[in-house]
N, C-alpha and C. Protein backbone atom coordinates (compact mmCIF):
# COMPACT_ATOMS: atom_id res chain seq x y z
N MET A 1 90.18 82.87 205.50
CA MET A 1 91.43 83.32 205.09
C MET A 1 91.39 84.85 205.13
N SER A 2 92.38 85.56 205.73
CA SER A 2 92.40 86.96 205.77
C SER A 2 92.83 87.53 204.33
N GLN A 3 92.50 88.78 204.00
CA GLN A 3 92.89 89.35 202.68
C GLN A 3 94.40 89.43 202.51
N PHE A 4 95.14 89.56 203.64
CA PHE A 4 96.61 89.56 203.54
C PHE A 4 97.06 88.13 203.09
N ASP A 5 96.50 87.07 203.77
CA ASP A 5 96.88 85.68 203.46
C ASP A 5 96.47 85.36 202.05
N ALA A 6 95.30 85.83 201.59
CA ALA A 6 94.82 85.63 200.22
C ALA A 6 95.77 86.18 199.24
N LYS A 7 96.14 87.46 199.46
CA LYS A 7 97.13 88.14 198.61
C LYS A 7 98.46 87.38 198.52
N GLU A 8 98.94 86.92 199.67
CA GLU A 8 100.15 86.19 199.69
C GLU A 8 100.04 84.81 198.91
N ARG A 9 98.87 84.18 199.02
CA ARG A 9 98.73 82.98 198.22
C ARG A 9 98.62 83.21 196.78
N ILE A 10 97.93 84.21 196.30
CA ILE A 10 97.79 84.59 194.99
C ILE A 10 99.15 84.96 194.40
N LEU A 11 99.95 85.76 195.16
CA LEU A 11 101.26 86.05 194.75
C LEU A 11 102.14 84.82 194.55
N GLN A 12 102.00 83.85 195.46
CA GLN A 12 102.73 82.56 195.40
C GLN A 12 102.35 81.81 194.09
N ILE A 13 100.96 81.75 193.83
CA ILE A 13 100.61 81.10 192.57
C ILE A 13 101.11 81.71 191.37
N ILE A 14 101.00 83.09 191.30
CA ILE A 14 101.58 83.70 190.16
C ILE A 14 103.01 83.47 189.97
N LYS A 15 103.82 83.64 190.97
CA LYS A 15 105.28 83.47 190.90
C LYS A 15 105.58 82.02 190.50
N GLN A 16 104.85 80.99 190.95
CA GLN A 16 105.12 79.62 190.64
C GLN A 16 104.67 79.22 189.26
N LYS A 17 103.45 79.77 188.81
CA LYS A 17 102.90 79.26 187.65
C LYS A 17 102.78 80.19 186.48
N ALA A 18 102.88 81.50 186.65
CA ALA A 18 102.60 82.48 185.64
C ALA A 18 103.73 83.38 185.18
N VAL A 19 104.84 83.21 185.80
CA VAL A 19 106.01 84.11 185.39
C VAL A 19 106.92 83.09 184.52
N LEU A 20 107.00 83.67 183.24
CA LEU A 20 107.85 83.04 182.38
C LEU A 20 109.15 83.72 182.16
N ARG A 21 110.24 83.07 182.04
CA ARG A 21 111.63 83.67 181.78
C ARG A 21 112.09 83.34 180.36
N GLY A 22 112.74 84.36 179.82
CA GLY A 22 113.20 84.27 178.44
C GLY A 22 113.22 85.64 177.84
N LYS A 23 113.11 85.67 176.47
CA LYS A 23 112.97 86.89 175.78
C LYS A 23 111.60 87.01 175.14
N PHE A 24 110.93 88.14 175.60
CA PHE A 24 109.46 88.29 175.16
C PHE A 24 109.35 89.80 174.64
N ILE A 25 108.50 89.85 173.62
CA ILE A 25 108.03 91.20 173.12
C ILE A 25 106.66 91.53 173.88
N LEU A 26 106.67 92.58 174.60
CA LEU A 26 105.53 93.12 175.24
C LEU A 26 104.51 93.68 174.31
N SER A 27 103.27 94.02 174.75
CA SER A 27 102.34 94.75 173.93
C SER A 27 102.79 96.15 173.63
N SER A 28 103.78 96.59 174.41
CA SER A 28 104.31 97.93 174.11
C SER A 28 105.40 97.98 172.95
N GLY A 29 105.77 96.67 172.54
CA GLY A 29 106.77 96.53 171.55
C GLY A 29 108.21 96.33 172.17
N LYS A 30 108.28 96.64 173.46
CA LYS A 30 109.58 96.49 174.09
C LYS A 30 109.80 95.04 174.49
N GLU A 31 111.16 94.72 174.56
CA GLU A 31 111.58 93.45 174.94
C GLU A 31 111.77 93.32 176.53
N SER A 32 111.36 92.09 176.93
CA SER A 32 111.49 91.86 178.41
C SER A 32 112.06 90.48 178.65
N ASP A 33 112.80 90.28 179.83
CA ASP A 33 113.38 88.98 180.20
C ASP A 33 112.39 88.14 180.80
N TYR A 34 111.14 88.64 181.20
CA TYR A 34 110.08 87.83 181.77
C TYR A 34 108.76 88.26 181.30
N TYR A 35 107.76 87.36 181.32
CA TYR A 35 106.50 87.57 180.94
C TYR A 35 105.51 87.16 181.97
N ILE A 36 104.59 87.91 182.35
CA ILE A 36 103.67 87.52 183.35
C ILE A 36 102.32 87.14 182.60
N ASP A 37 102.05 85.82 182.58
CA ASP A 37 101.03 85.20 181.84
C ASP A 37 99.91 84.71 182.76
N ILE A 38 99.01 85.64 183.22
CA ILE A 38 97.97 85.30 184.10
C ILE A 38 97.05 84.21 183.57
N LYS A 39 97.06 84.12 182.29
CA LYS A 39 96.16 83.10 181.66
C LYS A 39 96.57 81.74 182.06
N LYS A 40 97.80 81.52 182.48
CA LYS A 40 98.32 80.19 183.02
C LYS A 40 97.59 79.86 184.24
N VAL A 41 97.00 80.83 185.03
CA VAL A 41 96.38 80.52 186.27
C VAL A 41 94.97 80.95 186.32
N SER A 42 94.47 81.61 185.31
CA SER A 42 93.16 82.32 185.30
C SER A 42 91.95 81.21 185.27
N PHE A 43 92.25 79.97 184.96
CA PHE A 43 91.24 79.00 185.06
C PHE A 43 91.51 77.97 186.18
N ASP A 44 92.35 78.34 187.11
CA ASP A 44 92.66 77.59 188.32
C ASP A 44 91.64 78.06 189.44
N GLY A 45 90.92 77.05 189.94
CA GLY A 45 89.82 77.35 190.99
C GLY A 45 90.35 78.12 192.14
N GLU A 46 91.39 77.75 192.70
CA GLU A 46 92.01 78.49 193.91
C GLU A 46 92.31 79.95 193.56
N PHE A 47 92.99 80.11 192.37
CA PHE A 47 93.40 81.40 192.03
C PHE A 47 92.05 82.30 191.84
N LEU A 48 91.12 81.75 191.07
CA LEU A 48 89.89 82.51 190.83
C LEU A 48 89.12 82.85 192.06
N GLU A 49 89.12 81.84 192.96
CA GLU A 49 88.31 82.10 194.26
C GLU A 49 88.92 83.24 195.03
N LEU A 50 90.28 83.20 195.12
CA LEU A 50 90.95 84.22 195.88
C LEU A 50 91.00 85.57 195.31
N VAL A 51 91.41 85.62 193.95
CA VAL A 51 91.40 86.91 193.25
C VAL A 51 90.16 87.62 193.01
N SER A 52 88.99 86.81 192.86
CA SER A 52 87.72 87.43 192.73
C SER A 52 87.12 87.95 194.00
N ASP A 53 87.57 87.37 195.17
CA ASP A 53 87.27 87.90 196.42
C ASP A 53 87.91 89.24 196.68
N ILE A 54 89.18 89.40 196.31
CA ILE A 54 89.89 90.70 196.54
C ILE A 54 89.30 91.72 195.51
N ILE A 55 89.10 91.26 194.24
CA ILE A 55 88.54 92.33 193.33
C ILE A 55 87.10 92.80 193.86
N ALA A 56 86.32 91.91 194.28
CA ALA A 56 84.97 92.26 194.81
C ALA A 56 85.10 93.28 195.99
N ASP A 57 86.02 92.96 196.91
CA ASP A 57 86.25 93.87 198.04
C ASP A 57 86.77 95.35 197.53
N LEU A 58 87.59 95.29 196.49
CA LEU A 58 88.13 96.61 195.99
C LEU A 58 86.90 97.29 195.29
N ILE A 59 86.12 96.59 194.65
CA ILE A 59 84.85 97.19 194.03
C ILE A 59 84.01 97.77 195.06
N PHE A 60 83.65 97.09 196.10
CA PHE A 60 82.74 97.56 197.25
C PHE A 60 83.27 98.72 197.88
N SER A 61 84.69 98.84 198.02
CA SER A 61 85.22 99.89 198.80
C SER A 61 85.64 101.19 197.96
N ASN A 62 85.59 100.99 196.73
CA ASN A 62 86.03 102.17 195.85
C ASN A 62 85.09 102.67 194.77
N PHE A 63 84.07 101.89 194.48
CA PHE A 63 83.16 102.20 193.40
C PHE A 63 81.73 102.02 193.76
N LYS A 64 80.86 102.78 192.95
CA LYS A 64 79.42 102.70 193.20
C LYS A 64 78.71 101.51 192.50
N THR A 65 79.29 101.05 191.37
CA THR A 65 78.72 100.00 190.62
C THR A 65 79.21 98.70 190.99
N CYS A 66 78.60 97.64 190.90
CA CYS A 66 79.03 96.29 191.04
C CYS A 66 79.07 95.49 189.78
N ASP A 67 78.72 96.18 188.61
CA ASP A 67 78.90 95.50 187.29
C ASP A 67 80.30 95.64 186.81
N VAL A 68 80.70 94.69 186.03
CA VAL A 68 82.11 94.60 185.63
C VAL A 68 82.24 94.32 184.20
N ALA A 69 83.43 94.50 183.59
CA ALA A 69 83.74 94.35 182.24
C ALA A 69 85.18 93.82 182.04
N GLY A 70 85.42 93.15 181.04
CA GLY A 70 86.80 92.65 180.76
C GLY A 70 87.06 92.53 179.24
N VAL A 71 88.33 92.55 178.82
CA VAL A 71 88.67 92.35 177.36
C VAL A 71 88.80 90.89 177.24
N GLU A 72 88.39 90.40 176.06
CA GLU A 72 88.70 88.94 175.75
C GLU A 72 90.08 88.80 175.60
N LEU A 73 90.77 87.88 175.88
CA LEU A 73 90.57 86.59 176.50
C LEU A 73 90.74 86.63 177.98
N GLY A 74 91.69 87.44 178.43
CA GLY A 74 92.09 87.46 179.79
C GLY A 74 91.00 87.89 180.74
N GLY A 75 90.23 88.77 180.23
CA GLY A 75 89.07 89.25 181.14
C GLY A 75 87.94 88.28 181.39
N VAL A 76 87.76 87.28 180.49
CA VAL A 76 86.55 86.31 180.66
C VAL A 76 86.46 85.59 181.95
N PRO A 77 87.57 84.96 182.40
CA PRO A 77 87.46 84.21 183.65
C PRO A 77 87.35 85.16 184.86
N LEU A 78 88.10 86.42 184.75
CA LEU A 78 88.05 87.32 185.91
C LEU A 78 86.69 87.86 186.00
N VAL A 79 86.08 88.24 184.96
CA VAL A 79 84.66 88.83 185.01
C VAL A 79 83.70 87.81 185.51
N SER A 80 83.83 86.62 185.06
CA SER A 80 82.92 85.55 185.44
C SER A 80 82.96 85.30 186.95
N ALA A 81 84.22 85.11 187.43
CA ALA A 81 84.46 84.74 188.84
C ALA A 81 83.98 85.95 189.70
N THR A 82 84.26 87.19 189.32
CA THR A 82 83.83 88.34 190.08
C THR A 82 82.41 88.54 190.12
N VAL A 83 81.67 88.33 189.07
CA VAL A 83 80.16 88.49 189.06
C VAL A 83 79.61 87.41 190.06
N LEU A 84 80.14 86.18 190.04
CA LEU A 84 79.69 85.24 190.96
C LEU A 84 80.07 85.47 192.38
N LYS A 85 81.28 86.04 192.67
CA LYS A 85 81.68 86.37 194.01
C LYS A 85 80.78 87.52 194.54
N ILE A 86 80.60 88.56 193.80
CA ILE A 86 79.72 89.64 194.24
C ILE A 86 78.38 89.11 194.60
N LYS A 87 77.81 88.24 193.76
CA LYS A 87 76.44 87.55 194.00
C LYS A 87 76.49 86.80 195.41
N GLN A 88 77.57 86.05 195.49
CA GLN A 88 77.70 85.33 196.86
C GLN A 88 77.74 86.25 197.94
N LYS A 89 78.16 87.46 197.85
CA LYS A 89 78.24 88.42 198.94
C LYS A 89 76.97 89.14 199.10
N GLY A 90 75.93 88.81 198.29
CA GLY A 90 74.60 89.38 198.49
C GLY A 90 74.32 90.62 197.57
N PHE A 91 75.02 90.83 196.53
CA PHE A 91 74.76 92.02 195.72
C PHE A 91 74.53 91.48 194.35
N ASP A 92 73.77 92.34 193.56
CA ASP A 92 73.48 92.03 192.11
C ASP A 92 74.70 92.45 191.33
N SER A 93 75.10 91.74 190.31
CA SER A 93 76.26 92.09 189.53
C SER A 93 76.02 91.37 188.13
N LYS A 94 76.46 92.16 187.05
CA LYS A 94 76.38 91.69 185.75
C LYS A 94 77.79 91.93 185.07
N GLY A 95 78.08 91.27 184.07
CA GLY A 95 79.35 91.45 183.44
C GLY A 95 79.23 91.45 181.89
N VAL A 96 80.20 92.28 181.24
CA VAL A 96 80.33 92.24 179.84
C VAL A 96 81.67 91.98 179.42
N ILE A 97 81.77 91.50 178.19
CA ILE A 97 83.14 91.24 177.67
C ILE A 97 83.37 92.14 176.38
N ILE A 98 84.47 92.79 176.29
CA ILE A 98 84.73 93.57 175.13
C ILE A 98 85.56 92.77 174.18
N ARG A 99 85.14 92.65 172.96
CA ARG A 99 85.80 91.86 171.91
C ARG A 99 87.03 92.67 171.46
N LYS A 100 88.02 92.08 170.97
CA LYS A 100 89.12 92.69 170.36
C LYS A 100 88.78 93.09 168.97
N ASN A 101 87.93 92.37 168.32
CA ASN A 101 87.40 92.64 167.00
C ASN A 101 85.91 92.39 167.05
N PRO A 102 85.07 93.17 166.30
CA PRO A 102 83.69 92.77 166.38
C PRO A 102 83.34 91.49 165.78
N LYS A 103 82.37 90.87 166.23
CA LYS A 103 81.78 89.68 165.66
C LYS A 103 81.56 89.80 164.19
N GLU A 104 82.03 88.87 163.32
CA GLU A 104 81.91 89.04 161.86
C GLU A 104 80.51 88.55 161.32
N TYR A 105 79.75 88.03 162.21
CA TYR A 105 78.39 87.48 161.68
C TYR A 105 77.36 87.78 162.82
N GLY A 106 76.08 87.39 162.53
CA GLY A 106 75.08 87.59 163.55
C GLY A 106 74.98 89.06 163.92
N THR A 107 75.13 89.35 165.22
CA THR A 107 74.87 90.74 165.68
C THR A 107 76.07 91.77 165.51
N GLN A 108 77.21 91.17 165.09
CA GLN A 108 78.48 92.02 164.85
C GLN A 108 78.86 92.98 165.95
N LYS A 109 78.66 92.55 167.13
CA LYS A 109 78.82 93.46 168.35
C LYS A 109 80.29 93.49 168.78
N TRP A 110 80.72 94.50 169.39
CA TRP A 110 82.01 94.67 170.08
C TRP A 110 81.77 94.20 171.54
N ILE A 111 80.54 94.44 172.19
CA ILE A 111 80.36 94.21 173.57
C ILE A 111 79.35 93.04 173.68
N GLU A 112 79.77 91.97 174.49
CA GLU A 112 78.84 90.84 174.70
C GLU A 112 78.44 90.85 176.14
N GLY A 113 77.16 90.52 176.39
CA GLY A 113 76.56 90.53 177.69
C GLY A 113 75.27 91.25 177.84
N PRO A 114 74.71 91.39 178.91
CA PRO A 114 73.39 92.00 179.04
C PRO A 114 73.34 93.50 178.43
N ASP A 115 72.27 93.84 177.93
CA ASP A 115 72.12 95.19 177.31
C ASP A 115 71.86 96.28 178.26
N ASN A 116 71.52 95.89 179.49
CA ASN A 116 71.03 97.03 180.48
C ASN A 116 72.16 97.51 181.44
N ILE A 117 73.38 97.48 180.99
CA ILE A 117 74.51 97.91 181.86
C ILE A 117 74.94 99.30 181.37
N SER A 118 75.00 100.22 182.27
CA SER A 118 75.40 101.65 181.97
C SER A 118 76.74 102.08 182.43
N LYS A 119 77.22 101.24 183.57
CA LYS A 119 78.48 101.74 184.20
C LYS A 119 79.19 100.39 184.72
N VAL A 120 80.40 100.31 184.57
CA VAL A 120 81.23 99.15 184.96
C VAL A 120 82.55 99.47 185.56
N VAL A 121 83.16 98.48 186.25
CA VAL A 121 84.57 98.57 186.66
C VAL A 121 85.22 97.60 185.66
N LEU A 122 86.20 98.02 184.93
CA LEU A 122 86.86 97.23 183.99
C LEU A 122 88.05 96.40 184.73
N ILE A 123 87.96 95.09 184.53
CA ILE A 123 88.98 94.23 185.17
C ILE A 123 90.05 93.73 184.14
N GLU A 124 91.27 93.87 184.51
CA GLU A 124 92.30 93.39 183.64
C GLU A 124 93.19 92.38 184.23
N ASP A 125 93.82 91.49 183.48
CA ASP A 125 94.82 90.67 184.13
C ASP A 125 96.17 91.38 184.32
N VAL A 126 96.76 91.84 183.24
CA VAL A 126 98.11 92.54 183.35
C VAL A 126 97.91 93.75 182.49
N ILE A 127 98.44 94.90 183.08
CA ILE A 127 98.44 96.17 182.26
C ILE A 127 99.90 96.58 182.06
N THR A 128 100.30 96.67 180.82
CA THR A 128 101.77 97.03 180.51
C THR A 128 101.76 98.55 180.17
N THR A 129 101.11 98.95 179.20
CA THR A 129 101.15 100.40 178.88
C THR A 129 99.79 101.08 179.14
N GLY A 130 98.71 100.29 179.22
CA GLY A 130 97.42 100.85 179.41
C GLY A 130 96.70 101.05 178.00
N ALA A 131 97.40 100.91 176.89
CA ALA A 131 96.80 101.15 175.57
C ALA A 131 95.61 100.25 175.39
N THR A 132 95.60 98.98 175.62
CA THR A 132 94.56 98.00 175.46
C THR A 132 93.34 98.42 176.35
N THR A 133 93.61 98.82 177.51
CA THR A 133 92.70 99.26 178.53
C THR A 133 91.89 100.49 178.01
N LEU A 134 92.63 101.49 177.54
CA LEU A 134 92.12 102.78 177.09
C LEU A 134 91.33 102.49 175.86
N SER A 135 91.65 101.65 175.04
CA SER A 135 90.92 101.26 173.89
C SER A 135 89.58 100.59 174.21
N ALA A 136 89.73 99.67 175.30
CA ALA A 136 88.42 99.08 175.77
C ALA A 136 87.49 100.06 176.45
N ILE A 137 88.06 101.03 177.05
CA ILE A 137 87.19 102.08 177.67
C ILE A 137 86.43 102.93 176.55
N ASP A 138 87.20 103.20 175.50
CA ASP A 138 86.61 103.84 174.34
C ASP A 138 85.42 103.05 173.69
N LYS A 139 85.71 101.75 173.56
CA LYS A 139 84.64 100.82 173.01
C LYS A 139 83.44 100.81 173.91
N LEU A 140 83.62 100.81 175.29
CA LEU A 140 82.56 100.87 176.19
C LEU A 140 81.75 102.04 175.97
N ARG A 141 82.39 103.27 175.89
CA ARG A 141 81.75 104.51 175.81
C ARG A 141 80.97 104.57 174.50
N GLN A 142 81.54 104.11 173.42
CA GLN A 142 80.84 104.03 172.11
C GLN A 142 79.58 103.29 172.20
N ASN A 143 79.52 102.33 173.28
CA ASN A 143 78.26 101.52 173.37
C ASN A 143 77.47 101.91 174.50
N GLY A 144 77.64 103.15 175.08
CA GLY A 144 76.76 103.73 176.04
C GLY A 144 77.11 103.19 177.48
N ILE A 145 78.40 102.70 177.72
CA ILE A 145 78.67 102.19 179.01
C ILE A 145 79.90 103.02 179.51
N GLU A 146 79.82 103.50 180.78
CA GLU A 146 80.89 104.31 181.31
C GLU A 146 81.76 103.35 182.17
N ALA A 147 83.07 103.58 182.00
CA ALA A 147 83.98 102.81 182.94
C ALA A 147 84.22 103.76 184.14
N GLU A 148 83.73 103.31 185.31
CA GLU A 148 83.80 103.90 186.50
C GLU A 148 85.33 103.89 186.98
N GLY A 149 85.94 102.81 186.68
CA GLY A 149 87.33 102.59 187.07
C GLY A 149 87.94 101.31 186.55
N VAL A 150 89.24 101.05 186.88
CA VAL A 150 89.95 99.88 186.39
C VAL A 150 90.61 99.23 187.64
N ILE A 151 90.52 97.81 187.57
CA ILE A 151 91.25 97.12 188.54
C ILE A 151 92.05 96.07 187.78
N CYS A 152 93.34 96.00 188.01
CA CYS A 152 94.16 94.92 187.32
C CYS A 152 94.74 94.02 188.39
N VAL A 153 95.10 92.74 188.00
CA VAL A 153 95.83 91.89 188.81
C VAL A 153 97.27 92.39 188.99
N VAL A 154 97.97 92.66 187.88
CA VAL A 154 99.35 93.07 187.93
C VAL A 154 99.53 94.27 187.10
N ASN A 155 100.09 95.32 187.62
CA ASN A 155 100.43 96.55 186.93
C ASN A 155 101.93 96.51 186.56
N ARG A 156 102.20 96.46 185.28
CA ARG A 156 103.59 96.59 184.82
C ARG A 156 104.00 98.14 184.50
N GLY A 157 103.17 98.96 184.94
CA GLY A 157 103.43 100.51 184.84
C GLY A 157 102.33 101.31 184.21
N GLY A 158 101.47 100.67 183.41
CA GLY A 158 100.52 101.36 182.65
C GLY A 158 99.30 101.97 183.31
N LEU A 159 99.17 101.67 184.63
CA LEU A 159 98.00 102.22 185.29
C LEU A 159 98.13 103.67 185.41
N ARG A 160 99.37 104.29 185.38
CA ARG A 160 99.49 105.76 185.47
C ARG A 160 98.84 106.44 184.20
N ASN A 161 98.98 105.82 183.11
CA ASN A 161 98.40 106.34 181.88
C ASN A 161 96.90 106.38 181.92
N ILE A 162 96.29 105.45 182.59
CA ILE A 162 94.86 105.35 182.81
C ILE A 162 94.45 106.48 183.82
N ALA A 163 95.23 106.52 184.86
CA ALA A 163 94.88 107.51 185.86
C ALA A 163 94.98 108.86 185.29
N ASP A 164 95.91 109.09 184.41
CA ASP A 164 96.17 110.50 183.69
C ASP A 164 94.88 110.85 183.01
N LYS A 165 94.03 109.96 182.70
CA LYS A 165 92.82 110.23 181.94
C LYS A 165 91.58 110.46 182.88
N ASN A 166 91.99 110.63 184.15
CA ASN A 166 91.05 110.85 185.23
C ASN A 166 90.02 109.72 185.47
N ILE A 167 90.71 108.51 185.33
CA ILE A 167 89.89 107.27 185.64
C ILE A 167 90.59 106.52 186.78
N LYS A 168 89.73 106.31 187.82
CA LYS A 168 90.31 105.61 188.97
C LYS A 168 90.89 104.33 188.62
N ALA A 169 92.16 103.96 188.92
CA ALA A 169 92.81 102.88 188.44
C ALA A 169 93.61 102.22 189.58
N MET A 170 93.55 100.98 189.85
CA MET A 170 94.23 100.28 190.93
C MET A 170 94.65 98.86 190.53
N SER A 171 95.65 98.38 191.21
CA SER A 171 96.11 96.97 190.95
C SER A 171 96.17 96.20 192.36
N ILE A 172 96.12 94.94 192.23
CA ILE A 172 96.35 94.05 193.35
C ILE A 172 97.86 93.98 193.63
N PHE A 173 98.60 93.91 192.53
CA PHE A 173 100.02 93.73 192.66
C PHE A 173 100.74 94.66 191.64
N GLU A 174 101.91 95.18 192.03
CA GLU A 174 102.79 95.90 191.16
C GLU A 174 103.85 94.95 190.63
N LEU A 175 104.44 95.29 189.46
CA LEU A 175 105.45 94.47 188.92
C LEU A 175 106.48 94.05 189.86
N GLN A 176 107.04 95.03 190.68
CA GLN A 176 107.99 94.63 191.71
C GLN A 176 107.63 93.52 192.71
N ASP A 177 106.37 93.50 192.94
CA ASP A 177 105.88 92.42 193.83
C ASP A 177 106.12 91.04 193.25
N ILE A 178 105.98 91.03 191.91
CA ILE A 178 106.04 89.74 191.15
C ILE A 178 107.50 89.31 190.91
N ILE A 179 108.33 90.21 190.52
CA ILE A 179 109.61 89.77 190.05
C ILE A 179 110.70 89.95 191.21
N SER A 180 110.26 90.38 192.34
CA SER A 180 111.30 90.47 193.55
C SER A 180 111.61 89.14 194.08
């Protein structure tokens, strides 16, 4: 399947299964008539196969590292699928997950995964304001990991706030692609 066809199929899956209509409060605190819930499709095999292939290609063509990170919960399947896809394409890749709160027992870590990662591409499902992403980037830095860039599945507008911090930021889809 061509990358164009893959993007069209992902878009179809998102529109059919992940766009909710109603009244929703977004992470920004603003109200919206729709909510894009990628978690509704993030454990769907077809979606993960297609989206991880596109994310891997974006990583290969835009970044030096093949290691990835994501914020719990939405980042877990995206990171896992992308690590596997990069490996299938013949490259080494590792992933880490950034907790929203540190573990309260045992190691009490913010970052879960291998210890020998120094640079990652942060993968997000949906970015609204970018605040969660910027917080994740700070947590990575505090743990000795540089975020080389950010890739999100859907940008609701917050990628500009990340780019304003001189971090390469890109999306597979813009909000208008989803709601048009």
